[in-house]
Full PDB file with SEQRES, HELIX, SHEET, SSBOND, CRYST1, ORIGX, SCALE, CONECT and MASTER records, all heavy atoms in Angstrom:
SEQRES   1 A   37  VAL GLU THR GLU PRO VAL PRO ASP PRO GLY GLU ALA VAL          
SEQRES   2 A   37  ASP ASP THR LEU ARG LEU TYR PHE LEU CYS ALA HIS PRO          
SEQRES   3 A   37  SER LEU THR PRO SER SER ALA VAL ALA LEU THR                  
HELIX    1 AA1 ASP A   15  CYS A   23  1                                   9    
HELIX    2 AA2 PRO A   30  LEU A   36  1                                   7    
CRYST1    1.000    1.000    1.000  90.00  90.00  90.00 P 1           1          
ORIGX1      1.000000  0.000000  0.000000        0.00000                         
ORIGX2      0.000000  1.000000  0.000000        0.00000                         
ORIGX3      0.000000  0.000000  1.000000        0.00000                         
SCALE1      1.000000  0.000000  0.000000        0.00000                         
SCALE2      0.000000  1.000000  0.000000        0.00000                         
SCALE3      0.000000  0.000000  1.000000        0.00000                         
ATOM      1  N   VAL A   1      23.275 227.376-125.282  1.00  0.00           N  
ATOM      2  CA  VAL A   1      24.096 226.598-124.349  1.00  0.00           C  
ATOM      3  C   VAL A   1      23.335 225.362-123.887  1.00  0.00           C  
ATOM      4  O   VAL A   1      23.890 224.281-123.717  1.00  0.00           O  
ATOM      5  CB  VAL A   1      24.518 227.466-123.145  1.00  0.00           C  
ATOM      6  CG1 VAL A   1      25.102 226.615-122.037  1.00  0.00           C  
ATOM      7  CG2 VAL A   1      25.520 228.526-123.583  1.00  0.00           C  
ATOM      8  N   GLU A   2      22.004 225.494-123.692  1.00  0.00           N  
ATOM      9  CA  GLU A   2      21.200 224.378-123.215  1.00  0.00           C  
ATOM     10  C   GLU A   2      21.003 223.310-124.280  1.00  0.00           C  
ATOM     11  O   GLU A   2      20.878 222.130-123.965  1.00  0.00           O  
ATOM     12  CB  GLU A   2      19.829 224.876-122.751  1.00  0.00           C  
ATOM     13  CG  GLU A   2      19.877 225.732-121.503  1.00  0.00           C  
ATOM     14  CD  GLU A   2      18.495 226.198-121.106  1.00  0.00           C  
ATOM     15  OE1 GLU A   2      17.518 225.755-121.724  1.00  0.00           O  
ATOM     16  OE2 GLU A   2      18.396 227.016-120.187  1.00  0.00           O  
ATOM     17  N   THR A   3      20.932 223.711-125.547  1.00  0.00           N  
ATOM     18  CA  THR A   3      20.545 222.764-126.599  1.00  0.00           C  
ATOM     19  C   THR A   3      21.681 222.325-127.481  1.00  0.00           C  
ATOM     20  O   THR A   3      21.518 221.417-128.287  1.00  0.00           O  
ATOM     21  CB  THR A   3      19.459 223.387-127.492  1.00  0.00           C  
ATOM     22  OG1 THR A   3      19.972 224.583-128.093  1.00  0.00           O  
ATOM     23  CG2 THR A   3      18.215 223.715-126.689  1.00  0.00           C  
ATOM     24  N   GLU A   4      22.854 222.923-127.380  1.00  0.00           N  
ATOM     25  CA  GLU A   4      23.955 222.603-128.273  1.00  0.00           C  
ATOM     26  C   GLU A   4      25.256 222.421-127.494  1.00  0.00           C  
ATOM     27  O   GLU A   4      25.428 222.975-126.407  1.00  0.00           O  
ATOM     28  CB  GLU A   4      24.152 223.733-129.294  1.00  0.00           C  
ATOM     29  CG  GLU A   4      22.927 224.021-130.118  1.00  0.00           C  
ATOM     30  CD  GLU A   4      23.092 225.288-130.921  1.00  0.00           C  
ATOM     31  OE1 GLU A   4      24.207 225.811-131.005  1.00  0.00           O  
ATOM     32  OE2 GLU A   4      22.093 225.769-131.436  1.00  0.00           O  
ATOM     33  N   PRO A   5      26.172 221.654-128.026  1.00  0.00           N  
ATOM     34  CA  PRO A   5      27.470 221.493-127.362  1.00  0.00           C  
ATOM     35  C   PRO A   5      28.207 222.822-127.270  1.00  0.00           C  
ATOM     36  O   PRO A   5      28.113 223.666-128.169  1.00  0.00           O  
ATOM     37  CB  PRO A   5      28.210 220.524-128.289  1.00  0.00           C  
ATOM     38  CG  PRO A   5      27.149 219.845-129.083  1.00  0.00           C  
ATOM     39  CD  PRO A   5      26.043 220.839-129.223  1.00  0.00           C  
ATOM     40  N   VAL A   6      28.923 223.001-126.182  1.00  0.00           N  
ATOM     41  CA  VAL A   6      29.681 224.234-126.000  1.00  0.00           C  
ATOM     42  C   VAL A   6      31.032 224.097-126.685  1.00  0.00           C  
ATOM     43  O   VAL A   6      31.767 223.137-126.436  1.00  0.00           O  
ATOM     44  CB  VAL A   6      29.886 224.515-124.495  1.00  0.00           C  
ATOM     45  CG1 VAL A   6      30.700 225.794-124.301  1.00  0.00           C  
ATOM     46  CG2 VAL A   6      28.552 224.620-123.790  1.00  0.00           C  
ATOM     47  N   PRO A   7      31.395 225.031-127.586  1.00  0.00           N  
ATOM     48  CA  PRO A   7      32.689 224.919-128.247  1.00  0.00           C  
ATOM     49  C   PRO A   7      33.834 225.116-127.259  1.00  0.00           C  
ATOM     50  O   PRO A   7      33.670 225.718-126.204  1.00  0.00           O  
ATOM     51  CB  PRO A   7      32.661 226.046-129.288  1.00  0.00           C  
ATOM     52  CG  PRO A   7      31.624 226.997-128.809  1.00  0.00           C  
ATOM     53  CD  PRO A   7      30.629 226.205-128.030  1.00  0.00           C  
ATOM     54  N   ASP A   8      34.997 224.588-127.636  1.00  0.00           N  
ATOM     55  CA  ASP A   8      36.179 224.743-126.802  1.00  0.00           C  
ATOM     56  C   ASP A   8      36.507 226.230-126.646  1.00  0.00           C  
ATOM     57  O   ASP A   8      36.456 226.986-127.620  1.00  0.00           O  
ATOM     58  CB  ASP A   8      37.358 224.032-127.462  1.00  0.00           C  
ATOM     59  CG  ASP A   8      38.582 224.083-126.578  1.00  0.00           C  
ATOM     60  OD1 ASP A   8      38.705 223.202-125.720  1.00  0.00           O  
ATOM     61  OD2 ASP A   8      39.400 225.015-126.761  1.00  0.00           O  
ATOM     62  N   PRO A   9      36.799 226.702-125.431  1.00  0.00           N  
ATOM     63  CA  PRO A   9      37.035 228.135-125.224  1.00  0.00           C  
ATOM     64  C   PRO A   9      38.153 228.694-126.094  1.00  0.00           C  
ATOM     65  O   PRO A   9      38.159 229.869-126.420  1.00  0.00           O  
ATOM     66  CB  PRO A   9      37.402 228.213-123.732  1.00  0.00           C  
ATOM     67  CG  PRO A   9      36.828 226.977-123.125  1.00  0.00           C  
ATOM     68  CD  PRO A   9      36.884 225.926-124.175  1.00  0.00           C  
ATOM     69  N   GLY A  10      39.091 227.832-126.486  1.00  0.00           N  
ATOM     70  CA  GLY A  10      40.218 228.346-127.264  1.00  0.00           C  
ATOM     71  C   GLY A  10      39.973 228.384-128.754  1.00  0.00           C  
ATOM     72  O   GLY A  10      40.828 228.831-129.510  1.00  0.00           O  
ATOM     73  N   GLU A  11      38.784 227.895-129.223  1.00  0.00           N  
ATOM     74  CA  GLU A  11      38.535 227.846-130.651  1.00  0.00           C  
ATOM     75  C   GLU A  11      38.234 229.231-131.202  1.00  0.00           C  
ATOM     76  O   GLU A  11      37.322 229.904-130.755  1.00  0.00           O  
ATOM     77  CB  GLU A  11      37.342 226.933-130.967  1.00  0.00           C  
ATOM     78  CG  GLU A  11      37.659 225.461-130.886  1.00  0.00           C  
ATOM     79  CD  GLU A  11      36.463 224.637-131.329  1.00  0.00           C  
ATOM     80  OE1 GLU A  11      35.346 225.139-131.247  1.00  0.00           O  
ATOM     81  OE2 GLU A  11      36.679 223.496-131.755  1.00  0.00           O  
ATOM     82  N   ALA A  12      38.976 229.673-132.180  1.00  0.00           N  
ATOM     83  CA  ALA A  12      38.662 230.918-132.882  1.00  0.00           C  
ATOM     84  C   ALA A  12      37.854 230.625-134.129  1.00  0.00           C  
ATOM     85  O   ALA A  12      36.996 231.389-134.524  1.00  0.00           O  
ATOM     86  CB  ALA A  12      39.955 231.650-133.253  1.00  0.00           C  
ATOM     87  N   VAL A  13      38.127 229.503-134.793  1.00  0.00           N  
ATOM     88  CA  VAL A  13      37.418 229.097-135.996  1.00  0.00           C  
ATOM     89  C   VAL A  13      36.986 227.653-135.812  1.00  0.00           C  
ATOM     90  O   VAL A  13      37.750 226.837-135.292  1.00  0.00           O  
ATOM     91  CB  VAL A  13      38.315 229.224-137.242  1.00  0.00           C  
ATOM     92  CG1 VAL A  13      37.575 228.733-138.480  1.00  0.00           C  
ATOM     93  CG2 VAL A  13      38.776 230.658-137.426  1.00  0.00           C  
ATOM     94  N   ASP A  14      35.750 227.322-136.225  1.00  0.00           N  
ATOM     95  CA  ASP A  14      35.259 225.956-136.079  1.00  0.00           C  
ATOM     96  C   ASP A  14      35.797 225.118-137.231  1.00  0.00           C  
ATOM     97  O   ASP A  14      35.358 225.247-138.366  1.00  0.00           O  
ATOM     98  CB  ASP A  14      33.730 225.951-136.077  1.00  0.00           C  
ATOM     99  CG  ASP A  14      33.195 224.607-135.620  1.00  0.00           C  
ATOM    100  OD1 ASP A  14      33.735 223.582-136.049  1.00  0.00           O  
ATOM    101  OD2 ASP A  14      32.238 224.599-134.835  1.00  0.00           O  
ATOM    102  N   ASP A  15      36.751 224.241-136.944  1.00  0.00           N  
ATOM    103  CA  ASP A  15      37.342 223.414-137.985  1.00  0.00           C  
ATOM    104  C   ASP A  15      36.372 222.370-138.522  1.00  0.00           C  
ATOM    105  O   ASP A  15      36.537 221.891-139.644  1.00  0.00           O  
ATOM    106  CB  ASP A  15      38.592 222.706-137.452  1.00  0.00           C  
ATOM    107  CG  ASP A  15      39.767 223.673-137.306  1.00  0.00           C  
ATOM    108  OD1 ASP A  15      39.760 224.698-138.005  1.00  0.00           O  
ATOM    109  OD2 ASP A  15      40.662 223.404-136.498  1.00  0.00           O  
ATOM    110  N   THR A  16      35.363 222.007-137.722  1.00  0.00           N  
ATOM    111  CA  THR A  16      34.424 220.983-138.180  1.00  0.00           C  
ATOM    112  C   THR A  16      33.677 221.444-139.426  1.00  0.00           C  
ATOM    113  O   THR A  16      33.573 220.710-140.408  1.00  0.00           O  
ATOM    114  CB  THR A  16      33.416 220.647-137.067  1.00  0.00           C  
ATOM    115  OG1 THR A  16      34.119 220.256-135.894  1.00  0.00           O  
ATOM    116  CG2 THR A  16      32.487 219.524-137.507  1.00  0.00           C  
ATOM    117  N   LEU A  17      33.177 222.681-139.405  1.00  0.00           N  
ATOM    118  CA  LEU A  17      32.454 223.185-140.570  1.00  0.00           C  
ATOM    119  C   LEU A  17      33.385 223.285-141.774  1.00  0.00           C  
ATOM    120  O   LEU A  17      32.991 223.001-142.915  1.00  0.00           O  
ATOM    121  CB  LEU A  17      31.830 224.553-140.252  1.00  0.00           C  
ATOM    122  CG  LEU A  17      30.858 225.100-141.302  1.00  0.00           C  
ATOM    123  CD1 LEU A  17      29.714 224.137-141.550  1.00  0.00           C  
ATOM    124  CD2 LEU A  17      30.312 226.454-140.853  1.00  0.00           C  
ATOM    125  N   ARG A  18      34.630 223.668-141.542  1.00  0.00           N  
ATOM    126  CA  ARG A  18      35.603 223.741-142.629  1.00  0.00           C  
ATOM    127  C   ARG A  18      35.833 222.353-143.237  1.00  0.00           C  
ATOM    128  O   ARG A  18      35.933 222.193-144.457  1.00  0.00           O  
ATOM    129  CB  ARG A  18      36.927 224.314-142.110  1.00  0.00           C  
ATOM    130  CG  ARG A  18      38.010 224.464-143.174  1.00  0.00           C  
ATOM    131  CD  ARG A  18      39.203 225.230-142.619  1.00  0.00           C  
ATOM    132  NE  ARG A  18      40.283 225.292-143.597  1.00  0.00           N  
ATOM    133  CZ  ARG A  18      41.251 224.398-143.695  1.00  0.00           C  
ATOM    134  NH1 ARG A  18      41.283 223.354-142.859  1.00  0.00           N  
ATOM    135  NH2 ARG A  18      42.196 224.507-144.613  1.00  0.00           N  
ATOM    136  N   LEU A  19      35.881 221.321-142.384  1.00  0.00           N  
ATOM    137  CA  LEU A  19      36.055 219.967-142.888  1.00  0.00           C  
ATOM    138  C   LEU A  19      34.860 219.525-143.726  1.00  0.00           C  
ATOM    139  O   LEU A  19      35.010 218.808-144.724  1.00  0.00           O  
ATOM    140  CB  LEU A  19      36.259 218.993-141.719  1.00  0.00           C  
ATOM    141  CG  LEU A  19      37.622 219.042-141.032  1.00  0.00           C  
ATOM    142  CD1 LEU A  19      37.609 218.176-139.782  1.00  0.00           C  
ATOM    143  CD2 LEU A  19      38.718 218.588-141.989  1.00  0.00           C  
ATOM    144  N   TYR A  20      33.675 219.956-143.325  1.00  0.00           N  
ATOM    145  CA  TYR A  20      32.489 219.635-144.123  1.00  0.00           C  
ATOM    146  C   TYR A  20      32.649 220.184-145.539  1.00  0.00           C  
ATOM    147  O   TYR A  20      32.344 219.510-146.529  1.00  0.00           O  
ATOM    148  CB  TYR A  20      31.242 220.241-143.481  1.00  0.00           C  
ATOM    149  CG  TYR A  20      30.567 219.342-142.472  1.00  0.00           C  
ATOM    150  CD1 TYR A  20      31.220 218.917-141.319  1.00  0.00           C  
ATOM    151  CD2 TYR A  20      29.255 218.922-142.648  1.00  0.00           C  
ATOM    152  CE1 TYR A  20      30.608 218.110-140.390  1.00  0.00           C  
ATOM    153  CE2 TYR A  20      28.621 218.107-141.724  1.00  0.00           C  
ATOM    154  CZ  TYR A  20      29.308 217.710-140.593  1.00  0.00           C  
ATOM    155  OH  TYR A  20      28.688 216.897-139.683  1.00  0.00           O  
ATOM    156  N   PHE A  21      33.109 221.431-145.647  1.00  0.00           N  
ATOM    157  CA  PHE A  21      33.291 222.042-146.964  1.00  0.00           C  
ATOM    158  C   PHE A  21      34.384 221.335-147.760  1.00  0.00           C  
ATOM    159  O   PHE A  21      34.250 221.120-148.963  1.00  0.00           O  
ATOM    160  CB  PHE A  21      33.629 223.529-146.813  1.00  0.00           C  
ATOM    161  CG  PHE A  21      32.419 224.410-146.786  1.00  0.00           C  
ATOM    162  CD1 PHE A  21      31.875 224.817-145.588  1.00  0.00           C  
ATOM    163  CD2 PHE A  21      31.824 224.836-147.966  1.00  0.00           C  
ATOM    164  CE1 PHE A  21      30.752 225.630-145.560  1.00  0.00           C  
ATOM    165  CE2 PHE A  21      30.709 225.639-147.944  1.00  0.00           C  
ATOM    166  CZ  PHE A  21      30.164 226.042-146.739  1.00  0.00           C  
ATOM    167  N   LEU A  22      35.452 220.968-147.087  1.00  0.00           N  
ATOM    168  CA  LEU A  22      36.553 220.331-147.799  1.00  0.00           C  
ATOM    169  C   LEU A  22      36.187 218.937-148.293  1.00  0.00           C  
ATOM    170  O   LEU A  22      36.605 218.519-149.378  1.00  0.00           O  
ATOM    171  CB  LEU A  22      37.789 220.262-146.901  1.00  0.00           C  
ATOM    172  CG  LEU A  22      38.458 221.612-146.599  1.00  0.00           C  
ATOM    173  CD1 LEU A  22      39.600 221.432-145.619  1.00  0.00           C  
ATOM    174  CD2 LEU A  22      38.963 222.270-147.880  1.00  0.00           C  
ATOM    175  N   CYS A  23      35.396 218.205-147.517  1.00  0.00           N  
ATOM    176  CA  CYS A  23      34.976 216.881-147.967  1.00  0.00           C  
ATOM    177  C   CYS A  23      33.995 216.963-149.138  1.00  0.00           C  
ATOM    178  O   CYS A  23      33.857 216.001-149.895  1.00  0.00           O  
ATOM    179  CB  CYS A  23      34.355 216.093-146.817  1.00  0.00           C  
ATOM    180  SG  CYS A  23      35.564 215.381-145.686  1.00  0.00           S  
ATOM    181  N   ALA A  24      33.312 218.091-149.275  1.00  0.00           N  
ATOM    182  CA  ALA A  24      32.423 218.301-150.422  1.00  0.00           C  
ATOM    183  C   ALA A  24      33.267 218.790-151.598  1.00  0.00           C  
ATOM    184  O   ALA A  24      33.046 219.864-152.157  1.00  0.00           O  
ATOM    185  CB  ALA A  24      31.337 219.310-150.066  1.00  0.00           C  
ATOM    186  N   HIS A  25      34.265 218.007-151.984  1.00  0.00           N  
ATOM    187  CA  HIS A  25      35.273 218.419-152.961  1.00  0.00           C  
ATOM    188  C   HIS A  25      34.689 218.451-154.371  1.00  0.00           C  
ATOM    189  O   HIS A  25      33.875 217.598-154.745  1.00  0.00           O  
ATOM    190  CB  HIS A  25      36.463 217.459-152.908  1.00  0.00           C  
ATOM    191  CG  HIS A  25      37.692 217.979-153.563  1.00  0.00           C  
ATOM    192  ND1 HIS A  25      37.952 217.789-154.898  1.00  0.00           N  
ATOM    193  CD2 HIS A  25      38.723 218.708-153.078  1.00  0.00           C  
ATOM    194  CE1 HIS A  25      39.096 218.361-155.212  1.00  0.00           C  
ATOM    195  NE2 HIS A  25      39.594 218.925-154.117  1.00  0.00           N  
ATOM    196  N   PRO A  26      35.103 219.429-155.202  1.00  0.00           N  
ATOM    197  CA  PRO A  26      34.565 219.527-156.573  1.00  0.00           C  
ATOM    198  C   PRO A  26      34.836 218.309-157.439  1.00  0.00           C  
ATOM    199  O   PRO A  26      34.135 218.085-158.430  1.00  0.00           O  
ATOM    200  CB  PRO A  26      35.278 220.769-157.138  1.00  0.00           C  
ATOM    201  CG  PRO A  26      35.660 221.565-155.945  1.00  0.00           C  
ATOM    202  CD  PRO A  26      35.963 220.578-154.870  1.00  0.00           C  
ATOM    203  N   SER A  27      35.838 217.509-157.102  1.00  0.00           N  
ATOM    204  CA  SER A  27      36.127 216.322-157.910  1.00  0.00           C  
ATOM    205  C   SER A  27      35.131 215.194-157.658  1.00  0.00           C  
ATOM    206  O   SER A  27      35.128 214.185-158.374  1.00  0.00           O  
ATOM    207  CB  SER A  27      37.540 215.820-157.615  1.00  0.00           C  
ATOM    208  OG  SER A  27      37.667 215.414-156.271  1.00  0.00           O  
ATOM    209  N   LEU A  28      34.297 215.343-156.623  1.00  0.00           N  
ATOM    210  CA  LEU A  28      33.311 214.322-156.285  1.00  0.00           C  
ATOM    211  C   LEU A  28      31.929 214.728-156.777  1.00  0.00           C  
ATOM    212  O   LEU A  28      31.607 215.916-156.840  1.00  0.00           O  
ATOM    213  CB  LEU A  28      33.258 214.115-154.770  1.00  0.00           C  
ATOM    214  CG  LEU A  28      34.511 213.602-154.081  1.00  0.00           C  
ATOM    215  CD1 LEU A  28      34.326 213.669-152.569  1.00  0.00           C  
ATOM    216  CD2 LEU A  28      34.814 212.177-154.511  1.00  0.00           C  
ATOM    217  N   THR A  29      31.126 213.735-157.099  1.00  0.00           N  
ATOM    218  CA  THR A  29      29.713 214.031-157.349  1.00  0.00           C  
ATOM    219  C   THR A  29      29.075 214.423-156.019  1.00  0.00           C  
ATOM    220  O   THR A  29      29.561 214.033-154.949  1.00  0.00           O  
ATOM    221  CB  THR A  29      28.984 212.804-157.905  1.00  0.00           C  
ATOM    222  OG1 THR A  29      29.002 211.765-156.908  1.00  0.00           O  
ATOM    223  CG2 THR A  29      29.630 212.303-159.192  1.00  0.00           C  
ATOM    224  N   PRO A  30      27.984 215.203-156.065  1.00  0.00           N  
ATOM    225  CA  PRO A  30      27.349 215.600-154.798  1.00  0.00           C  
ATOM    226  C   PRO A  30      26.986 214.419-153.907  1.00  0.00           C  
ATOM    227  O   PRO A  30      27.204 214.462-152.695  1.00  0.00           O  
ATOM    228  CB  PRO A  30      26.104 216.361-155.269  1.00  0.00           C  
ATOM    229  CG  PRO A  30      26.486 216.910-156.604  1.00  0.00           C  
ATOM    230  CD  PRO A  30      27.370 215.856-157.223  1.00  0.00           C  
ATOM    231  N   SER A  31      26.442 213.337-154.489  1.00  0.00           N  
ATOM    232  CA  SER A  31      26.044 212.201-153.654  1.00  0.00           C  
ATOM    233  C   SER A  31      27.252 211.534-153.001  1.00  0.00           C  
ATOM    234  O   SER A  31      27.197 211.143-151.832  1.00  0.00           O  
ATOM    235  CB  SER A  31      25.269 211.174-154.488  1.00  0.00           C  
ATOM    236  OG  SER A  31      26.067 210.685-155.545  1.00  0.00           O  
ATOM    237  N   SER A  32      28.359 211.438-153.745  1.00  0.00           N  
ATOM    238  CA  SER A  32      29.569 210.848-153.165  1.00  0.00           C  
ATOM    239  C   SER A  32      30.167 211.748-152.101  1.00  0.00           C  
ATOM    240  O   SER A  32      30.667 211.274-151.077  1.00  0.00           O  
ATOM    241  CB  SER A  32      30.601 210.581-154.261  1.00  0.00           C  
ATOM    242  OG  SER A  32      30.141 209.599-155.155  1.00  0.00           O  
ATOM    243  N   ALA A  33      30.129 213.064-152.336  1.00  0.00           N  
ATOM    244  CA  ALA A  33      30.659 214.006-151.352  1.00  0.00           C  
ATOM    245  C   ALA A  33      29.879 213.925-150.049  1.00  0.00           C  
ATOM    246  O   ALA A  33      30.462 213.934-148.949  1.00  0.00           O  
ATOM    247  CB  ALA A  33      30.608 215.427-151.912  1.00  0.00           C  
ATOM    248  N   VAL A  34      28.572 213.828-150.154  1.00  0.00           N  
ATOM    249  CA  VAL A  34      27.746 213.714-148.946  1.00  0.00           C  
ATOM    250  C   VAL A  34      28.085 212.428-148.199  1.00  0.00           C  
ATOM    251  O   VAL A  34      28.282 212.423-146.979  1.00  0.00           O  
ATOM    252  CB  VAL A  34      26.245 213.756-149.313  1.00  0.00           C  
ATOM    253  CG1 VAL A  34      25.397 213.408-148.098  1.00  0.00           C  
ATOM    254  CG2 VAL A  34      25.864 215.130-149.833  1.00  0.00           C  
ATOM    255  N   ALA A  35      28.141 211.325-148.919  1.00  0.00           N  
ATOM    256  CA  ALA A  35      28.420 210.044-148.273  1.00  0.00           C  
ATOM    257  C   ALA A  35      29.776 210.055-147.580  1.00  0.00           C  
ATOM    258  O   ALA A  35      29.915 209.586-146.439  1.00  0.00           O  
ATOM    259  CB  ALA A  35      28.362 208.920-149.316  1.00  0.00           C  
ATOM    260  N   LEU A  36      30.798 210.584-148.260  1.00  0.00           N  
ATOM    261  CA  LEU A  36      32.145 210.618-147.674  1.00  0.00           C  
ATOM    262  C   LEU A  36      32.173 211.495-146.426  1.00  0.00           C  
ATOM    263  O   LEU A  36      32.774 211.137-145.405  1.00  0.00           O  
ATOM    264  CB  LEU A  36      33.146 211.144-148.703  1.00  0.00           C  
ATOM    265  CG  LEU A  36      34.595 211.275-148.206  1.00  0.00           C  
ATOM    266  CD1 LEU A  36      35.146 209.920-147.791  1.00  0.00           C  
ATOM    267  CD2 LEU A  36      35.475 211.905-149.281  1.00  0.00           C  
ATOM    268  N   THR A  37      31.517 212.638-146.480  1.00  0.00           N  
ATOM    269  CA  THR A  37      31.513 213.547-145.334  1.00  0.00           C  
ATOM    270  C   THR A  37      30.795 212.933-144.140  1.00  0.00           C  
ATOM    271  O   THR A  37      31.246 213.037-142.995  1.00  0.00           O  
ATOM    272  CB  THR A  37      30.863 214.889-145.702  1.00  0.00           C  
ATOM    273  OG1 THR A  37      31.391 215.346-146.931  1.00  0.00           O  
ATOM    274  CG2 THR A  37      31.107 215.935-144.623  1.00  0.00           C  
TER     275      THR A  37                                                      
MASTER        0    0    0    2    0    0    0    6  274    1    0    3          
END                                                                             
């Protein structure tokens, strides 16, 4: 709690991490996926 942001109380799943995975799309090269994300 002291070192990290507190998630919204209503969040059941962290959508941010899911977005990270989705932006790392298989159609992209790893370097492009990282840059886009």
